[in-house]
Amino acid sequence: NIIVFGETGAGKSSLINMLAGDDVVVVSDAARGCTAESAPVPITIDGTRYVLWDTSGLNEGERGTVPMGEALYRLRDLVRKLKNGVNLLVYCVRAGRYRDIIKNNYDIFTQIICEGKVPVVIVITGLESETHMEDWWDANERMFTAPGMKFTGHACVTTTKGGGLFEKEYEESKKIAQTLIKECCLEKAWAINSDVWFDQTADQIQNY
């Protein structure tokens, strides 16, 4: 089980669609999350099955519209579906300037929800115009490490084909993201004690 998180417009749904090889998740078109609830998206990488979970509506950030109460309801729904545990967190961030919401989302998912027990990787999206996508991370890594964020791995990608203009970059990005997941996913999932855990987590998120 892999949780894909990040604020609205970061490219979560596009990343999932790229990995799935099909448009299985509706892509948000504006300033609101568009996925009513978390639905599993199964993918296969080199013969191994993974299940991706989109978290739209849980952590929309500055441009989202879902109230805290509804977000927590969706979190409870997601946790119940993840009864077999979590193997990896994928943090989707669109390339751009640093904002506090980036660290806030990181803390909520890695430290509060998963209690620091699940590896987290970061996927930087929106890099189709870069000559070498990886160069973006070399130039901006400190933007994430300075506030205390730590990642098991990273990928610099584009999740759009741009009408065929970025077909090569898109296919390269898909392979990079697949390799990241394959190398960083836990063999044994971290399991959540849903009832006790949820009450504690809901309080921590609201007080964060």
C-alpha atoms as a PDB file:
ATOM      1  CA  ASN A   1       0.000   0.000   0.000  1.00  0.00           C
ATOM      2  CA  ILE A   2       1.425   3.349  -1.086  1.00  0.00           C
ATOM      3  CA  ILE A   3      -0.093   6.667   0.025  1.00  0.00           C
ATOM      4  CA  VAL A   4       0.373   9.511  -2.463  1.00  0.00           C
ATOM      5  CA  PHE A   5      -0.035  12.895  -0.771  1.00  0.00           C
ATOM      6  CA  GLY A   6       0.511  16.555  -1.578  1.00  0.00           C
ATOM      7  CA  GLU A   7      -1.570  19.694  -1.893  1.00  0.00           C
ATOM      8  CA  THR A   8      -4.061  20.456  -4.652  1.00  0.00           C
ATOM      9  CA  GLY A   9      -2.352  21.049  -7.987  1.00  0.00           C
ATOM     10  CA  ALA A  10       0.822  19.156  -7.061  1.00  0.00           C
ATOM     11  CA  GLY A  11       0.131  16.444  -9.615  1.00  0.00           C
ATOM     12  CA  LYS A  12      -0.893  13.496  -7.416  1.00  0.00           C
ATOM     13  CA  SER A  13      -3.574  12.212  -9.766  1.00  0.00           C
ATOM     14  CA  SER A  14      -1.408  12.752 -12.844  1.00  0.00           C
ATOM     15  CA  LEU A  15       1.426  10.824 -11.189  1.00  0.00           C
ATOM     16  CA  ILE A  16      -0.893   7.929 -10.374  1.00  0.00           C
ATOM     17  CA  ASN A  17      -2.278   7.916 -13.919  1.00  0.00           C
ATOM     18  CA  MET A  18       1.256   7.863 -15.324  1.00  0.00           C
ATOM     19  CA  LEU A  19       2.239   4.908 -13.152  1.00  0.00           C
ATOM     20  CA  ALA A  20      -0.997   3.077 -13.944  1.00  0.00           C
ATOM     21  CA  GLY A  21      -0.609   3.663 -17.665  1.00  0.00           C
ATOM     22  CA  ASP A  22      -4.165   4.958 -17.940  1.00  0.00           C
ATOM     23  CA  ASP A  23      -6.430   7.809 -16.816  1.00  0.00           C
ATOM     24  CA  VAL A  24      -7.783   6.009 -13.769  1.00  0.00           C
ATOM     25  CA  VAL A  25      -7.982   9.057 -11.480  1.00  0.00           C
ATOM     26  CA  VAL A  26      -9.753  12.320 -12.302  1.00  0.00           C
ATOM     27  CA  VAL A  27      -7.215  15.154 -12.488  1.00  0.00           C
ATOM     28  CA  SER A  28      -8.093  18.289 -10.510  1.00  0.00           C
ATOM     29  CA  ASP A  29      -8.616  21.282 -12.787  1.00  0.00           C
ATOM     30  CA  ALA A  30      -8.733  24.161 -10.324  1.00  0.00           C
ATOM     31  CA  ALA A  31      -8.554  25.229  -6.696  1.00  0.00           C
ATOM     32  CA  ARG A  32     -10.318  22.301  -5.122  1.00  0.00           C
ATOM     33  CA  GLY A  33      -9.706  18.625  -4.511  1.00  0.00           C
ATOM     34  CA  CYS A  34     -11.799  16.497  -6.822  1.00  0.00           C
ATOM     35  CA  THR A  35     -11.587  12.958  -5.462  1.00  0.00           C
ATOM     36  CA  ALA A  36     -14.596  12.246  -3.256  1.00  0.00           C
ATOM     37  CA  GLU A  37     -12.882   9.374  -1.467  1.00  0.00           C
ATOM     38  CA  SER A  38      -9.640   7.430  -1.615  1.00  0.00           C
ATOM     39  CA  ALA A  39      -9.837   4.641  -4.173  1.00  0.00           C
ATOM     40  CA  PRO A  40      -7.157   1.977  -4.690  1.00  0.00           C
ATOM     41  CA  VAL A  41      -5.236   1.977  -7.968  1.00  0.00           C
ATOM     42  CA  PRO A  42      -3.317  -1.289  -8.502  1.00  0.00           C
ATOM     43  CA  ILE A  43      -0.127  -1.172 -10.557  1.00  0.00           C
ATOM     44  CA  THR A  44       2.568  -3.731 -11.371  1.00  0.00           C
ATOM     45  CA  ILE A  45       6.296  -2.988 -11.496  1.00  0.00           C
ATOM     46  CA  ASP A  46       8.594  -5.787 -12.645  1.00  0.00           C
ATOM     47  CA  GLY A  47       6.074  -8.421 -11.600  1.00  0.00           C
ATOM     48  CA  THR A  48       5.362  -6.980  -8.142  1.00  0.00           C
ATOM     49  CA  ARG A  49       1.899  -5.613  -7.368  1.00  0.00           C
ATOM     50  CA  TYR A  50       1.515  -2.285  -5.580  1.00  0.00           C
ATOM     51  CA  VAL A  51      -1.629  -0.364  -4.639  1.00  0.00           C
ATOM     52  CA  LEU A  52      -1.605   3.438  -4.879  1.00  0.00           C
ATOM     53  CA  TRP A  53      -3.971   5.572  -2.792  1.00  0.00           C
ATOM     54  CA  ASP A  54      -4.774   9.147  -3.823  1.00  0.00           C
ATOM     55  CA  THR A  55      -5.380  11.473  -0.862  1.00  0.00           C
ATOM     56  CA  SER A  56      -7.244  14.345  -2.539  1.00  0.00           C
ATOM     57  CA  GLY A  57      -9.390  16.103   0.037  1.00  0.00           C
ATOM     58  CA  LEU A  58      -7.117  15.211   2.961  1.00  0.00           C
ATOM     59  CA  ASN A  59      -4.432  17.866   2.613  1.00  0.00           C
ATOM     60  CA  GLU A  60      -5.403  20.339  -0.060  1.00  0.00           C
ATOM     61  CA  GLY A  61      -3.259  23.174   1.289  1.00  0.00           C
ATOM     62  CA  GLU A  62      -3.728  26.826   0.441  1.00  0.00           C
ATOM     63  CA  ARG A  63      -5.939  26.274  -2.615  1.00  0.00           C
ATOM     64  CA  GLY A  64      -8.212  23.559  -1.280  1.00  0.00           C
ATOM     65  CA  THR A  65     -11.826  23.744  -0.139  1.00  0.00           C
ATOM     66  CA  VAL A  66     -12.426  20.702   2.076  1.00  0.00           C
ATOM     67  CA  PRO A  67     -13.144  21.645   5.739  1.00  0.00           C
ATOM     68  CA  MET A  68     -11.131  19.993   8.513  1.00  0.00           C
ATOM     69  CA  GLY A  69     -14.070  17.884   9.679  1.00  0.00           C
ATOM     70  CA  GLU A  70     -14.607  16.379   6.247  1.00  0.00           C
ATOM     71  CA  ALA A  71     -10.869  15.884   5.762  1.00  0.00           C
ATOM     72  CA  LEU A  72     -10.691  13.897   8.998  1.00  0.00           C
ATOM     73  CA  TYR A  73     -13.701  11.831   7.922  1.00  0.00           C
ATOM     74  CA  ARG A  74     -11.867  10.988   4.705  1.00  0.00           C
ATOM     75  CA  LEU A  75      -8.755  10.133   6.687  1.00  0.00           C
ATOM     76  CA  ARG A  76     -10.725   7.670   8.813  1.00  0.00           C
ATOM     77  CA  ASP A  77     -12.156   6.154   5.632  1.00  0.00           C
ATOM     78  CA  LEU A  78      -8.671   5.765   4.148  1.00  0.00           C
ATOM     79  CA  VAL A  79      -7.257   4.175   7.300  1.00  0.00           C
ATOM     80  CA  ARG A  80     -10.041   1.599   7.399  1.00  0.00           C
ATOM     81  CA  LYS A  81      -9.198   0.618   3.835  1.00  0.00           C
ATOM     82  CA  LEU A  82      -5.512   0.309   4.744  1.00  0.00           C
ATOM     83  CA  LYS A  83      -6.068  -2.485   7.246  1.00  0.00           C
ATOM     84  CA  ASN A  84      -3.069  -4.363   5.848  1.00  0.00           C
ATOM     85  CA  GLY A  85      -0.789  -1.418   6.612  1.00  0.00           C
ATOM     86  CA  VAL A  86       1.305   1.138   4.721  1.00  0.00           C
ATOM     87  CA  ASN A  87       4.537   0.365   2.851  1.00  0.00           C
ATOM     88  CA  LEU A  88       5.529   3.762   1.455  1.00  0.00           C
ATOM     89  CA  LEU A  89       4.626   7.459   1.443  1.00  0.00           C
ATOM     90  CA  VAL A  90       5.033   9.379  -1.812  1.00  0.00           C
ATOM     91  CA  TYR A  91       5.086  13.159  -1.343  1.00  0.00           C
ATOM     92  CA  CYS A  92       4.121  14.933  -4.549  1.00  0.00           C
ATOM     93  CA  VAL A  93       5.351  18.554  -4.782  1.00  0.00           C
ATOM     94  CA  ARG A  94       5.155  20.857  -7.789  1.00  0.00           C
ATOM     95  CA  ALA A  95       8.438  22.645  -8.544  1.00  0.00           C
ATOM     96  CA  GLY A  96       8.398  26.231  -7.314  1.00  0.00           C
ATOM     97  CA  ARG A  97       9.157  28.385  -4.330  1.00  0.00           C
ATOM     98  CA  TYR A  98       9.131  27.055  -0.782  1.00  0.00           C
ATOM     99  CA  ARG A  99       6.011  27.586   1.331  1.00  0.00           C
ATOM    100  CA  ASP A 100       5.283  26.534   4.913  1.00  0.00           C
ATOM    101  CA  ILE A 101       2.466  24.224   3.760  1.00  0.00           C
ATOM    102  CA  ILE A 102       5.135  21.951   2.244  1.00  0.00           C
ATOM    103  CA  LYS A 103       6.621  21.218   5.674  1.00  0.00           C
ATOM    104  CA  ASN A 104       3.168  21.093   7.303  1.00  0.00           C
ATOM    105  CA  ASN A 105       1.976  18.354   4.951  1.00  0.00           C
ATOM    106  CA  TYR A 106       5.232  16.464   5.429  1.00  0.00           C
ATOM    107  CA  ASP A 107       4.851  16.534   9.215  1.00  0.00           C
ATOM    108  CA  ILE A 108       1.181  15.521   9.182  1.00  0.00           C
ATOM    109  CA  PHE A 109       1.696  12.458   7.000  1.00  0.00           C
ATOM    110  CA  THR A 110       5.145  11.270   8.051  1.00  0.00           C
ATOM    111  CA  GLN A 111       5.191  12.091  11.764  1.00  0.00           C
ATOM    112  CA  ILE A 112       1.554  12.318  12.899  1.00  0.00           C
ATOM    113  CA  ILE A 113      -0.262   9.848  10.653  1.00  0.00           C
ATOM    114  CA  CYS A 114       2.556   7.311  10.147  1.00  0.00           C
ATOM    115  CA  GLU A 115       4.464   8.085  13.365  1.00  0.00           C
ATOM    116  CA  GLY A 116       7.815   8.137  11.578  1.00  0.00           C
ATOM    117  CA  LYS A 117       7.534   4.395  10.855  1.00  0.00           C
ATOM    118  CA  VAL A 118       7.082   4.527   7.054  1.00  0.00           C
ATOM    119  CA  PRO A 119       9.723   5.626   4.509  1.00  0.00           C
ATOM    120  CA  VAL A 120       8.833   8.749   2.522  1.00  0.00           C
ATOM    121  CA  VAL A 121      10.041   9.693  -0.936  1.00  0.00           C
ATOM    122  CA  ILE A 122       9.499  12.986  -2.736  1.00  0.00           C
ATOM    123  CA  VAL A 123       8.436  13.371  -6.361  1.00  0.00           C
ATOM    124  CA  ILE A 124       8.960  16.829  -7.858  1.00  0.00           C
ATOM    125  CA  THR A 125       6.554  17.459 -10.747  1.00  0.00           C
ATOM    126  CA  GLY A 126       6.236  20.142 -13.414  1.00  0.00           C
ATOM    127  CA  LEU A 127       9.801  19.847 -14.707  1.00  0.00           C
ATOM    128  CA  GLU A 128       9.053  19.272 -18.391  1.00  0.00           C
ATOM    129  CA  SER A 129      10.748  22.554 -19.373  1.00  0.00           C
ATOM    130  CA  GLU A 130      14.023  21.689 -17.624  1.00  0.00           C
ATOM    131  CA  THR A 131      16.900  20.588 -19.861  1.00  0.00           C
ATOM    132  CA  HIS A 132      17.871  17.998 -17.251  1.00  0.00           C
ATOM    133  CA  MET A 133      15.089  17.397 -14.721  1.00  0.00           C
ATOM    134  CA  GLU A 134      17.459  16.064 -12.051  1.00  0.00           C
ATOM    135  CA  ASP A 135      19.294  19.405 -12.013  1.00  0.00           C
ATOM    136  CA  TRP A 136      16.308  20.938 -10.222  1.00  0.00           C
ATOM    137  CA  TRP A 137      16.907  18.770  -7.153  1.00  0.00           C
ATOM    138  CA  ASP A 138      20.624  19.540  -7.130  1.00  0.00           C
ATOM    139  CA  ALA A 139      19.795  23.249  -7.034  1.00  0.00           C
ATOM    140  CA  ASN A 140      16.877  23.071  -4.576  1.00  0.00           C
ATOM    141  CA  GLU A 141      17.441  20.109  -2.248  1.00  0.00           C
ATOM    142  CA  ARG A 142      18.367  22.371   0.658  1.00  0.00           C
ATOM    143  CA  MET A 143      14.942  24.010   0.426  1.00  0.00           C
ATOM    144  CA  PHE A 144      13.580  20.750   1.865  1.00  0.00           C
ATOM    145  CA  THR A 145      16.410  19.556   4.087  1.00  0.00           C
ATOM    146  CA  ALA A 146      16.932  22.894   5.872  1.00  0.00           C
ATOM    147  CA  PRO A 147      13.469  22.777   7.559  1.00  0.00           C
ATOM    148  CA  GLY A 148      14.157  19.195   8.656  1.00  0.00           C
ATOM    149  CA  MET A 149      12.532  17.086   5.960  1.00  0.00           C
ATOM    150  CA  LYS A 150      14.248  13.768   5.233  1.00  0.00           C
ATOM    151  CA  PHE A 151      13.531  11.503   2.282  1.00  0.00           C
ATOM    152  CA  THR A 152      14.504   7.932   1.483  1.00  0.00           C
ATOM    153  CA  GLY A 153      14.703   8.914  -2.169  1.00  0.00           C
ATOM    154  CA  HIS A 154      13.544  11.452  -4.748  1.00  0.00           C
ATOM    155  CA  ALA A 155      12.446  11.720  -8.364  1.00  0.00           C
ATOM    156  CA  CYS A 156      12.301  14.751 -10.658  1.00  0.00           C
ATOM    157  CA  VAL A 157       9.601  14.222 -13.275  1.00  0.00           C
ATOM    158  CA  THR A 158       6.968  15.509 -15.623  1.00  0.00           C
ATOM    159  CA  THR A 159       3.498  13.965 -15.520  1.00  0.00           C
ATOM    160  CA  THR A 160       2.284  15.496 -18.783  1.00  0.00           C
ATOM    161  CA  LYS A 161       2.995  14.561 -22.387  1.00  0.00           C
ATOM    162  CA  GLY A 162       2.222  18.126 -23.444  1.00  0.00           C
ATOM    163  CA  GLY A 163       0.366  17.030 -26.540  1.00  0.00           C
ATOM    164  CA  GLY A 164       3.341  14.926 -27.557  1.00  0.00           C
ATOM    165  CA  LEU A 165       5.960  17.618 -26.930  1.00  0.00           C
ATOM    166  CA  PHE A 166       7.236  15.871 -23.805  1.00  0.00           C
ATOM    167  CA  GLU A 167       6.646  12.237 -24.760  1.00  0.00           C
ATOM    168  CA  LYS A 168      10.302  11.311 -24.166  1.00  0.00           C
ATOM    169  CA  GLU A 169      10.442  13.111 -20.809  1.00  0.00           C
ATOM    170  CA  TYR A 170       7.150  11.487 -19.783  1.00  0.00           C
ATOM    171  CA  GLU A 171       8.363   7.960 -20.478  1.00  0.00           C
ATOM    172  CA  GLU A 172      11.649   8.700 -18.715  1.00  0.00           C
ATOM    173  CA  SER A 173       9.701  10.050 -15.731  1.00  0.00           C
ATOM    174  CA  LYS A 174       7.567   6.924 -15.537  1.00  0.00           C
ATOM    175  CA  LYS A 175      10.657   4.709 -15.332  1.00  0.00           C
ATOM    176  CA  ILE A 176      12.263   6.962 -12.710  1.00  0.00           C
ATOM    177  CA  ALA A 177       9.132   6.893 -10.540  1.00  0.00           C
ATOM    178  CA  GLN A 178       8.788   3.116 -10.892  1.00  0.00           C
ATOM    179  CA  THR A 179      12.394   2.589  -9.814  1.00  0.00           C
ATOM    180  CA  LEU A 180      11.913   4.894  -6.822  1.00  0.00           C
ATOM    181  CA  ILE A 181       8.913   2.910  -5.617  1.00  0.00           C
ATOM    182  CA  LYS A 182      10.576  -0.447  -6.189  1.00  0.00           C
ATOM    183  CA  GLU A 183      13.724   0.520  -4.279  1.00  0.00           C
ATOM    184  CA  CYS A 184      12.121   2.327  -1.327  1.00  0.00           C
ATOM    185  CA  CYS A 185       8.936   0.382  -0.544  1.00  0.00           C
ATOM    186  CA  LEU A 186       8.905  -1.533   2.753  1.00  0.00           C
ATOM    187  CA  GLU A 187       8.789  -5.317   2.400  1.00  0.00           C
ATOM    188  CA  LYS A 188       6.632  -5.545   5.526  1.00  0.00           C
ATOM    189  CA  ALA A 189       3.886  -2.952   5.925  1.00  0.00           C
ATOM    190  CA  TRP A 190       3.511  -0.766   8.997  1.00  0.00           C
ATOM    191  CA  ALA A 191       0.052  -1.565  10.373  1.00  0.00           C
ATOM    192  CA  ILE A 192      -2.312   0.974  11.911  1.00  0.00           C
ATOM    193  CA  ASN A 193      -4.414   0.279  15.026  1.00  0.00           C
ATOM    194  CA  SER A 194      -7.327   2.161  13.507  1.00  0.00           C
ATOM    195  CA  ASP A 195      -9.600   3.079  16.441  1.00  0.00           C
ATOM    196  CA  VAL A 196      -7.139   4.218  19.112  1.00  0.00           C
ATOM    197  CA  TRP A 197      -4.778   5.600  16.498  1.00  0.00           C
ATOM    198  CA  PHE A 198      -7.438   7.677  14.771  1.00  0.00           C
ATOM    199  CA  ASP A 199      -8.615   9.472  17.920  1.00  0.00           C
ATOM    200  CA  GLN A 200      -5.049  10.426  18.833  1.00  0.00           C
ATOM    201  CA  THR A 201      -4.154  11.426  15.288  1.00  0.00           C
ATOM    202  CA  ALA A 202      -7.272  13.560  14.767  1.00  0.00           C
ATOM    203  CA  ASP A 203      -6.444  15.547  17.912  1.00  0.00           C
ATOM    204  CA  GLN A 204      -2.829  16.060  16.845  1.00  0.00           C
ATOM    205  CA  ILE A 205      -3.780  17.222  13.350  1.00  0.00           C
ATOM    206  CA  GLN A 206      -6.343  19.721  14.640  1.00  0.00           C
ATOM    207  CA  ASN A 207      -3.838  21.074  17.163  1.00  0.00           C
ATOM    208  CA  TYR A 208      -0.927  21.193  14.696  1.00  0.00           C
END
